[in-house]
């Protein structure tokens, strides 16, 4: 049991982690030197962060731009006692430091795009507890570009799913892109006219209440919700007489669109993510010739919380995937000094990599590792352009119409 004789673990850490030291194949030193970025500190992210802090992962990076709502408190234990409106990431980090003072925790209350690119490059892996398709896509791109494991999961009612992306081994999230659930929300011009679908009657009832009172109906005030219900059912009877009247629950679900969730399902899926993370970290830091801790689950895992059953679906790569397929936009990593001019950088790259520059449509560089997307002008130095270490940019304007990604490792 080498954990007990480790010179890098303090006496306090050895006492604290005594029970897990005794697990076959466990190596606490590996966890202590590991780092994990957790994107989304909500129902899943809170449990993941708590689990990894408790087992002693040495460095956790928490990312969430959201703030605490009162409804979070029935399933997000790290926020108990915190004020509404406080940063989820920062409050969670503070609580985790109290739970385990032997680890390092950094918090970013900003979009994923604004986390320093160097962090994505340096951490061992990413874990997603996200409820946005756009955010998942962004984290997937970072995982593929940086060749990092990504553990994704989600919950819906009494069900959950979990999936480990191992770039260029199994399917990334773009190989089989998620489709957004059909929404019944419409532009204001449509709501002014005749309702085209039954659900539009509810939206018109909501709009009528807002125009009348200057604010949305409060779902905790039954008389306000009933006002919307009555008007919606009046329109429903007029335009869709064959349809059954709306219930209060149906109206609330549309005018206050939050996914139903319960902590038990969140805990199951977050625990699966956490356990996969522990195995992956052991795999990453264990030499090939030695026995590694377990096997990494690379199939799509579905959990039915009402039957207690798990289902696996194999996810082969899509050769036509724009992110990881054979015709994907190529990515090059280059070292360059900060004082180097971007026009010189592209010229040198063109010569070294045999990418002829298009004489009619000269190269352009675009920022993609930031929430402020846009063109970067070639007459600037890398420093003047504000490009960060390990930032990836998109470059267009080569002779065959191709484009490339460049990840810049800055020096000097």
Protein backbone atom coordinates (compact mmCIF):
# COMPACT_ATOMS: atom_id res chain seq x y z
CA UNK A 1 0.00 0.00 0.00
CA UNK A 2 2.29 2.75 -1.32
CA UNK A 3 -0.20 5.50 -0.40
CA UNK A 4 0.63 5.04 3.30
CA UNK A 5 4.38 5.44 2.67
CA UNK A 6 4.05 8.34 0.20
CA UNK A 7 6.39 11.28 0.77
CA UNK A 8 4.13 13.69 -1.20
CA UNK A 9 1.06 13.17 1.00
CA UNK A 10 0.92 14.84 4.39
CA UNK A 11 0.12 12.99 7.60
CA UNK A 12 -3.29 14.74 7.65
CA UNK A 13 -4.05 13.59 4.09
CA UNK A 14 -3.09 10.03 4.96
CA UNK A 15 -5.48 10.08 7.90
CA UNK A 16 -8.25 11.69 5.85
CA UNK A 17 -8.07 9.31 2.86
CA UNK A 18 -7.24 6.17 4.84
CA UNK A 19 -10.24 4.14 3.66
CA UNK A 20 -9.79 4.77 -0.06
CA UNK A 21 -6.05 4.03 0.21
CA UNK A 22 -7.06 0.44 0.84
CA UNK A 23 -8.90 0.08 -2.49
CA UNK A 24 -7.20 -2.24 -5.03
CA UNK A 25 -5.36 -0.22 -7.68
CA UNK A 26 -5.97 3.13 -5.96
CA UNK A 27 -3.22 5.76 -6.10
CA UNK A 28 -3.85 8.93 -4.10
CA UNK A 29 -0.72 10.58 -5.44
CA UNK A 30 -2.21 10.37 -8.94
CA UNK A 31 -5.37 12.15 -7.83
CA UNK A 32 -3.41 14.80 -5.95
CA UNK A 33 -1.42 15.73 -9.07
CA UNK A 34 -4.53 15.72 -11.31
CA UNK A 35 -6.69 18.60 -12.49
CA UNK A 36 -10.29 18.63 -13.74
CA UNK A 37 -12.40 21.40 -15.27
CA UNK A 38 -16.08 21.17 -14.30
CA UNK A 39 -18.37 23.14 -16.60
CA UNK A 40 -21.75 23.96 -15.05
CA UNK A 41 -22.18 24.07 -11.27
CA UNK A 42 -25.83 23.09 -11.04
CA UNK A 43 -27.66 19.88 -10.20
CA UNK A 44 -24.94 17.70 -11.71
CA UNK A 45 -21.93 19.97 -11.28
CA UNK A 46 -22.44 20.48 -7.55
CA UNK A 47 -22.43 16.73 -6.94
CA UNK A 48 -19.45 16.15 -9.25
CA UNK A 49 -17.41 18.92 -7.60
CA UNK A 50 -18.29 17.60 -4.13
CA UNK A 51 -17.34 14.03 -5.07
CA UNK A 52 -14.00 14.94 -6.65
CA UNK A 53 -13.10 17.28 -3.81
CA UNK A 54 -13.86 14.57 -1.27
CA UNK A 55 -11.71 11.94 -3.01
CA UNK A 56 -8.86 14.45 -3.21
CA UNK A 57 -8.44 15.52 -6.84
CA UNK A 58 -5.69 18.09 -6.46
CA UNK A 59 -6.99 20.93 -8.64
CA UNK A 60 -10.61 21.67 -9.57
CA UNK A 61 -11.62 24.48 -11.94
CA UNK A 62 -15.29 25.42 -11.62
CA UNK A 63 -16.97 27.35 -14.45
CA UNK A 64 -20.51 28.76 -14.32
CA UNK A 65 -21.81 32.23 -15.10
CA UNK A 66 -25.15 31.58 -13.37
CA UNK A 67 -26.26 32.82 -9.96
CA UNK A 68 -28.04 31.07 -7.12
CA UNK A 69 -31.85 30.85 -7.10
CA UNK A 70 -33.93 29.70 -4.16
CA UNK A 71 -35.20 26.70 -6.17
CA UNK A 72 -31.58 25.44 -6.39
CA UNK A 73 -31.49 24.68 -2.69
CA UNK A 74 -33.52 21.46 -2.78
CA UNK A 75 -30.82 19.69 -4.84
CA UNK A 76 -27.60 21.74 -4.76
CA UNK A 77 -26.13 21.31 -1.30
CA UNK A 78 -23.08 23.56 -1.75
CA UNK A 79 -25.37 26.61 -1.87
CA UNK A 80 -27.12 26.08 1.47
CA UNK A 81 -26.94 29.33 3.43
CA UNK A 82 -25.69 31.38 0.47
CA UNK A 83 -27.62 34.48 -0.66
CA UNK A 84 -29.75 34.44 -3.80
CA UNK A 85 -27.98 36.14 -6.68
CA UNK A 86 -24.49 35.06 -5.56
CA UNK A 87 -22.11 33.43 -8.04
CA UNK A 88 -22.59 29.66 -8.17
CA UNK A 89 -18.95 29.00 -9.06
CA UNK A 90 -17.51 31.20 -6.31
CA UNK A 91 -19.87 30.01 -3.57
CA UNK A 92 -19.22 26.37 -4.50
CA UNK A 93 -15.46 26.95 -4.46
CA UNK A 94 -15.62 28.53 -1.01
CA UNK A 95 -17.65 25.63 0.40
CA UNK A 96 -15.38 23.00 -1.18
CA UNK A 97 -12.28 24.64 0.32
CA UNK A 98 -13.90 24.22 3.73
CA UNK A 99 -14.70 20.57 2.96
CA UNK A 100 -11.16 19.74 1.78
CA UNK A 101 -8.42 22.29 2.55
CA UNK A 102 -5.75 20.08 0.94
CA UNK A 103 -6.75 20.83 -2.67
CA UNK A 104 -6.72 23.87 -4.95
CA UNK A 105 -9.97 25.23 -6.37
CA UNK A 106 -10.36 28.03 -8.92
CA UNK A 107 -13.71 29.56 -9.85
CA UNK A 108 -14.73 31.38 -13.04
CA UNK A 109 -18.13 33.08 -13.19
CA UNK A 110 -17.97 33.69 -16.93
CA UNK A 111 -18.87 31.94 -20.20
CA UNK A 112 -16.82 28.88 -21.14
CA UNK A 113 -15.31 30.88 -24.02
CA UNK A 114 -13.74 33.38 -21.60
CA UNK A 115 -11.86 30.89 -19.43
CA UNK A 116 -8.14 31.34 -20.24
CA UNK A 117 -7.21 28.95 -23.07
CA UNK A 118 -4.14 27.81 -21.13
CA UNK A 119 -6.43 26.16 -18.57
CA UNK A 120 -8.14 24.04 -21.23
CA UNK A 121 -4.70 23.05 -22.47
CA UNK A 122 -3.25 22.16 -19.07
CA UNK A 123 -6.03 20.30 -17.23
CA UNK A 124 -6.31 16.54 -17.48
CA UNK A 125 -9.96 16.37 -18.51
CA UNK A 126 -13.33 18.14 -18.68
CA UNK A 127 -16.64 17.21 -17.06
CA UNK A 128 -19.93 18.76 -18.21
CA UNK A 129 -22.97 19.45 -16.08
CA UNK A 130 -24.50 21.72 -18.70
CA UNK A 131 -28.08 22.39 -19.78
CA UNK A 132 -27.22 24.21 -23.02
CA UNK A 133 -26.53 22.62 -26.39
CA UNK A 134 -24.33 25.58 -27.35
CA UNK A 135 -22.21 25.19 -24.21
CA UNK A 136 -21.88 21.44 -24.76
CA UNK A 137 -20.77 22.08 -28.33
CA UNK A 138 -18.16 24.58 -27.15
CA UNK A 139 -16.75 22.18 -24.55
CA UNK A 140 -16.75 19.37 -27.11
CA UNK A 141 -14.70 21.53 -29.51
CA UNK A 142 -12.16 22.21 -26.78
CA UNK A 143 -12.00 18.51 -25.94
CA UNK A 144 -11.36 17.52 -29.56
CA UNK A 145 -8.86 20.31 -30.22
CA UNK A 146 -6.92 19.61 -27.02
CA UNK A 147 -7.42 15.82 -27.15
CA UNK A 148 -8.90 15.73 -23.66
CA UNK A 149 -11.48 13.33 -22.25
CA UNK A 150 -14.94 14.87 -21.82
CA UNK A 151 -17.56 13.31 -19.55
CA UNK A 152 -21.03 14.58 -20.40
CA UNK A 153 -24.34 13.83 -18.71
CA UNK A 154 -27.88 15.10 -18.47
CA UNK A 155 -31.16 14.38 -16.73
CA UNK A 156 -34.79 14.57 -17.81
CA UNK A 157 -37.64 13.83 -15.40
CA UNK A 158 -36.74 10.37 -13.93
CA UNK A 159 -34.16 9.52 -16.57
CA UNK A 160 -30.51 10.29 -17.13
CA UNK A 161 -27.73 9.74 -19.62
CA UNK A 162 -23.93 9.78 -19.37
CA UNK A 163 -21.27 9.62 -22.04
CA UNK A 164 -17.47 9.74 -22.13
CA UNK A 165 -15.96 11.36 -25.22
CA UNK A 166 -12.46 10.06 -25.99
CA UNK A 167 -11.49 12.21 -29.00
CA UNK A 168 -10.72 10.21 -32.15
CA UNK A 169 -11.60 6.95 -30.36
CA UNK A 170 -15.40 7.08 -30.10
CA UNK A 171 -17.97 9.61 -31.31
CA UNK A 172 -17.64 13.22 -30.20
CA UNK A 173 -20.81 15.17 -29.46
CA UNK A 174 -20.84 16.60 -32.99
CA UNK A 175 -20.75 13.15 -34.63
CA UNK A 176 -24.41 12.79 -33.72
CA UNK A 177 -25.43 16.37 -32.97
CA UNK A 178 -28.14 16.90 -30.40
CA UNK A 179 -31.31 18.54 -31.64
CA UNK A 180 -33.04 21.09 -29.55
CA UNK A 181 -36.44 20.18 -28.23
CA UNK A 182 -39.18 21.81 -30.26
CA UNK A 183 -40.30 24.98 -28.55
CA UNK A 184 -43.71 26.52 -28.81
CA UNK A 185 -42.35 30.02 -28.35
CA UNK A 186 -43.06 32.40 -31.22
CA UNK A 187 -42.25 35.92 -32.24
CA UNK A 188 -44.58 38.68 -31.09
CA UNK A 189 -45.97 39.12 -34.60
CA UNK A 190 -47.32 35.56 -34.55
CA UNK A 191 -48.88 35.98 -31.12
CA UNK A 192 -50.84 39.00 -32.32
CA UNK A 193 -52.70 36.92 -34.86
CA UNK A 194 -54.76 33.75 -34.66
CA UNK A 195 -53.14 30.89 -32.63
CA UNK A 196 -51.82 28.21 -34.97
CA UNK A 197 -51.32 25.52 -32.35
CA UNK A 198 -53.00 24.82 -29.00
CA UNK A 199 -49.93 25.84 -26.98
CA UNK A 200 -50.05 29.28 -28.60
CA UNK A 201 -53.24 29.93 -26.61
CA UNK A 202 -51.21 29.71 -23.41
CA UNK A 203 -48.55 32.06 -24.76
CA UNK A 204 -51.23 34.56 -25.76
CA UNK A 205 -52.67 34.29 -22.25
CA UNK A 206 -49.22 34.97 -20.81
CA UNK A 207 -48.72 37.96 -23.14
CA UNK A 208 -52.14 39.36 -22.18
CA UNK A 209 -51.24 39.16 -18.47
CA UNK A 210 -47.89 40.90 -19.05
CA UNK A 211 -49.54 43.72 -21.01
CA UNK A 212 -52.16 44.14 -18.31
CA UNK A 213 -49.84 44.05 -15.27
CA UNK A 214 -46.46 45.02 -16.69
CA UNK A 215 -44.84 41.77 -15.56
CA UNK A 216 -45.15 37.99 -16.06
CA UNK A 217 -47.58 35.97 -13.97
CA UNK A 218 -46.07 34.66 -10.73
CA UNK A 219 -46.51 30.88 -10.67
CA UNK A 220 -46.60 30.93 -6.86
CA UNK A 221 -49.75 33.10 -6.95
CA UNK A 222 -52.62 30.80 -7.91
CA UNK A 223 -54.94 33.66 -8.89
CA UNK A 224 -52.41 34.97 -11.43
CA UNK A 225 -51.84 31.55 -12.97
CA UNK A 226 -55.60 31.00 -13.09
CA UNK A 227 -55.96 34.26 -15.01
CA UNK A 228 -53.68 32.85 -17.74
CA UNK A 229 -55.40 29.43 -17.62
CA UNK A 230 -58.87 30.94 -18.05
CA UNK A 231 -57.90 33.08 -21.03
CA UNK A 232 -55.91 30.24 -22.64
CA UNK A 233 -58.87 27.85 -22.34
CA UNK A 234 -61.20 30.50 -23.75
CA UNK A 235 -59.00 30.74 -26.87
CA UNK A 236 -58.63 26.97 -26.99
CA UNK A 237 -62.42 26.47 -27.03
CA UNK A 238 -62.75 29.09 -29.75
CA UNK A 239 -60.00 27.89 -32.09
CA UNK A 240 -59.46 24.22 -31.14
CA UNK A 241 -62.83 23.01 -29.79
CA UNK A 242 -61.79 19.35 -30.10
CA UNK A 243 -58.89 19.79 -27.64
CA UNK A 244 -59.09 19.07 -23.91
CA UNK A 245 -58.85 22.10 -21.60
CA UNK A 246 -55.42 23.04 -20.24
CA UNK A 247 -54.57 22.11 -16.66
CA UNK A 248 -52.74 24.44 -14.30
CA UNK A 249 -49.63 22.23 -14.53
CA UNK A 250 -49.59 22.41 -18.33
CA UNK A 251 -49.79 26.20 -18.22
CA UNK A 252 -47.03 26.51 -15.61
CA UNK A 253 -44.74 24.25 -17.62
CA UNK A 254 -44.97 26.58 -20.63
CA UNK A 255 -45.01 30.03 -18.98
CA UNK A 256 -42.21 29.06 -16.55
CA UNK A 257 -40.17 26.69 -18.71
CA UNK A 258 -37.86 24.77 -16.36
CA UNK A 259 -36.96 21.13 -16.77
CA UNK A 260 -38.45 19.01 -13.96
CA UNK A 261 -35.69 17.42 -11.90
CA UNK A 262 -35.00 15.70 -8.60
CA UNK A 263 -31.75 15.32 -6.65
CA UNK A 264 -31.83 11.51 -6.65
CA UNK A 265 -31.47 11.31 -10.46
CA UNK A 266 -28.84 14.08 -10.39
CA UNK A 267 -26.85 12.13 -7.79
CA UNK A 268 -26.95 8.89 -9.79
CA UNK A 269 -25.65 10.52 -12.96
CA UNK A 270 -23.10 12.74 -11.20
CA UNK A 271 -21.77 9.71 -9.33
CA UNK A 272 -21.32 7.86 -12.61
CA UNK A 273 -19.45 10.85 -14.04
CA UNK A 274 -17.28 11.12 -10.93
CA UNK A 275 -16.36 7.43 -10.96
CA UNK A 276 -15.42 7.58 -14.65
CA UNK A 277 -13.27 10.63 -13.86
CA UNK A 278 -11.40 8.74 -11.12
CA UNK A 279 -10.70 5.86 -13.53
CA UNK A 280 -9.65 8.16 -16.37
CA UNK A 281 -7.23 10.08 -14.12
CA UNK A 282 -5.64 6.80 -13.05
CA UNK A 283 -5.37 5.73 -16.70
CA UNK A 284 -3.81 9.03 -17.77
CA UNK A 285 -1.10 8.89 -15.12
CA UNK A 286 -0.41 5.14 -15.08
CA UNK A 287 2.26 3.82 -17.48
CA UNK A 288 0.98 1.58 -20.28
CA UNK A 289 2.83 -1.49 -19.00
CA UNK A 290 1.16 -1.37 -15.59
CA UNK A 291 -2.33 -2.46 -14.57
CA UNK A 292 -4.76 0.42 -14.79
CA UNK A 293 -7.80 1.05 -12.62
CA UNK A 294 -10.80 -0.55 -14.34
CA UNK A 295 -12.05 0.09 -17.87
CA UNK A 296 -13.32 3.38 -19.25
CA UNK A 297 -16.99 3.25 -20.30
CA UNK A 298 -17.06 4.50 -23.89
CA UNK A 299 -20.68 3.60 -24.67
CA UNK A 300 -23.64 5.96 -24.26
CA UNK A 301 -25.27 5.03 -20.95
CA UNK A 302 -28.98 5.57 -20.28
CA UNK A 303 -30.54 5.25 -16.82
CA UNK A 304 -34.27 4.77 -16.16
CA UNK A 305 -34.92 5.87 -12.62
CA UNK A 306 -38.36 4.27 -12.45
CA UNK A 307 -37.23 0.79 -13.45
CA UNK A 308 -33.72 1.06 -12.05
CA UNK A 309 -32.27 -0.26 -15.31
CA UNK A 310 -29.28 0.86 -17.37
CA UNK A 311 -28.98 0.62 -21.14
CA UNK A 312 -25.85 0.96 -23.31
CA UNK A 313 -25.62 2.27 -26.85
CA UNK A 314 -22.41 2.04 -28.86
CA UNK A 315 -21.39 5.38 -30.39
CA UNK A 316 -19.03 4.86 -33.35
CA UNK A 317 -17.38 7.90 -34.88
CA UNK A 318 -18.99 9.60 -37.84
CA UNK A 319 -16.33 9.81 -40.60
CA UNK A 320 -18.11 12.90 -41.96
CA UNK A 321 -18.15 14.72 -38.63
CA UNK A 322 -17.03 18.32 -39.12
CA UNK A 323 -15.26 18.30 -35.75
CA UNK A 324 -13.42 14.97 -35.63
CA UNK A 325 -14.05 13.35 -39.04
CA UNK A 326 -11.48 12.79 -41.77
CA UNK A 327 -12.40 16.03 -43.59
CA UNK A 328 -12.35 18.19 -40.44
CA UNK A 329 -10.63 21.56 -40.45
CA UNK A 330 -6.97 20.75 -39.64
CA UNK A 331 -5.40 22.12 -36.48
CA UNK A 332 -1.74 23.05 -36.09
CA UNK A 333 0.09 23.91 -32.88
CA UNK A 334 2.97 26.33 -33.20
CA UNK A 335 5.31 28.16 -30.85
CA UNK A 336 5.66 31.87 -31.53
CA UNK A 337 6.95 34.99 -29.78
CA UNK A 338 4.42 37.55 -28.58
CA UNK A 339 6.10 40.34 -30.56
CA UNK A 340 5.69 38.45 -33.83
CA UNK A 341 3.45 40.15 -36.39
CA UNK A 342 0.44 38.11 -37.51
CA UNK A 343 1.05 38.73 -41.22
CA UNK A 344 4.57 37.30 -40.80
CA UNK A 345 3.18 34.35 -38.88
CA UNK A 346 0.80 33.41 -41.71
CA UNK A 347 3.49 33.84 -44.37
CA UNK A 348 5.88 31.58 -42.47
CA UNK A 349 3.15 29.01 -41.85
CA UNK A 350 2.23 29.06 -45.56
CA UNK A 351 5.84 28.32 -46.54
CA UNK A 352 6.56 25.71 -43.86
CA UNK A 353 3.33 23.72 -44.24
CA UNK A 354 2.92 24.19 -48.02
CA UNK A 355 -0.40 26.06 -47.76
CA UNK A 356 -0.29 28.54 -50.69
CA UNK A 357 -1.97 31.88 -49.97
CA UNK A 358 -4.93 32.88 -52.15
CA UNK A 359 -3.89 35.97 -54.15
CA UNK A 360 -7.48 37.16 -54.68
CA UNK A 361 -8.79 36.58 -51.15
CA UNK A 362 -5.87 37.09 -48.77
CA UNK A 363 -5.76 35.45 -45.32
CA UNK A 364 -8.01 36.51 -42.49
CA UNK A 365 -7.76 35.50 -38.82
CA UNK A 366 -10.79 35.10 -36.57
CA UNK A 367 -10.99 34.82 -32.81
CA UNK A 368 -12.97 31.77 -31.65
CA UNK A 369 -11.73 31.19 -28.08
CA UNK A 370 -13.69 34.11 -26.70
CA UNK A 371 -17.28 35.26 -26.26
CA UNK A 372 -16.29 38.28 -28.37
CA UNK A 373 -15.88 36.65 -31.76
CA UNK A 374 -14.47 38.61 -34.66
CA UNK A 375 -11.63 39.32 -37.03
CA UNK A 376 -8.09 39.94 -35.82
CA UNK A 377 -6.18 42.33 -38.06
CA UNK A 378 -2.98 41.01 -39.59
CA UNK A 379 -0.95 44.20 -39.14
CA UNK A 380 -0.87 43.67 -35.36
CA UNK A 381 1.62 41.75 -33.29
CA UNK A 382 0.29 38.80 -31.32
CA UNK A 383 0.60 40.87 -28.15
CA UNK A 384 -1.22 43.87 -29.68
CA UNK A 385 -4.04 41.58 -30.83
CA UNK A 386 -4.53 40.38 -27.25
CA UNK A 387 -4.07 36.73 -28.21
CA UNK A 388 -3.65 34.56 -25.11
CA UNK A 389 -1.29 31.66 -24.52
CA UNK A 390 -2.68 28.44 -26.08
CA UNK A 391 -5.48 30.36 -27.81
CA UNK A 392 -6.85 28.83 -31.01
CA UNK A 393 -7.67 31.04 -33.99
CA UNK A 394 -9.33 30.28 -37.32
CA UNK A 395 -7.37 31.25 -40.44
CA UNK A 396 -8.90 31.50 -43.92
CA UNK A 397 -7.59 32.58 -47.34
CA UNK A 398 -5.50 29.75 -48.69
CA UNK A 399 -5.21 28.89 -52.37
CA UNK A 400 -7.54 25.88 -52.41
CA UNK A 401 -10.21 27.65 -50.37
CA UNK A 402 -9.24 25.75 -47.24
CA UNK A 403 -9.12 27.06 -43.70
CA UNK A 404 -7.15 25.94 -40.68
CA UNK A 405 -7.05 26.26 -36.91
CA UNK A 406 -3.87 27.52 -35.28
CA UNK A 407 -3.20 27.03 -31.58
CA UNK A 408 -0.51 29.48 -30.51
CA UNK A 409 1.94 28.57 -27.76
CA UNK A 410 3.39 31.96 -26.79
CA UNK A 411 6.99 32.64 -25.86
CA UNK A 412 8.80 35.74 -24.69
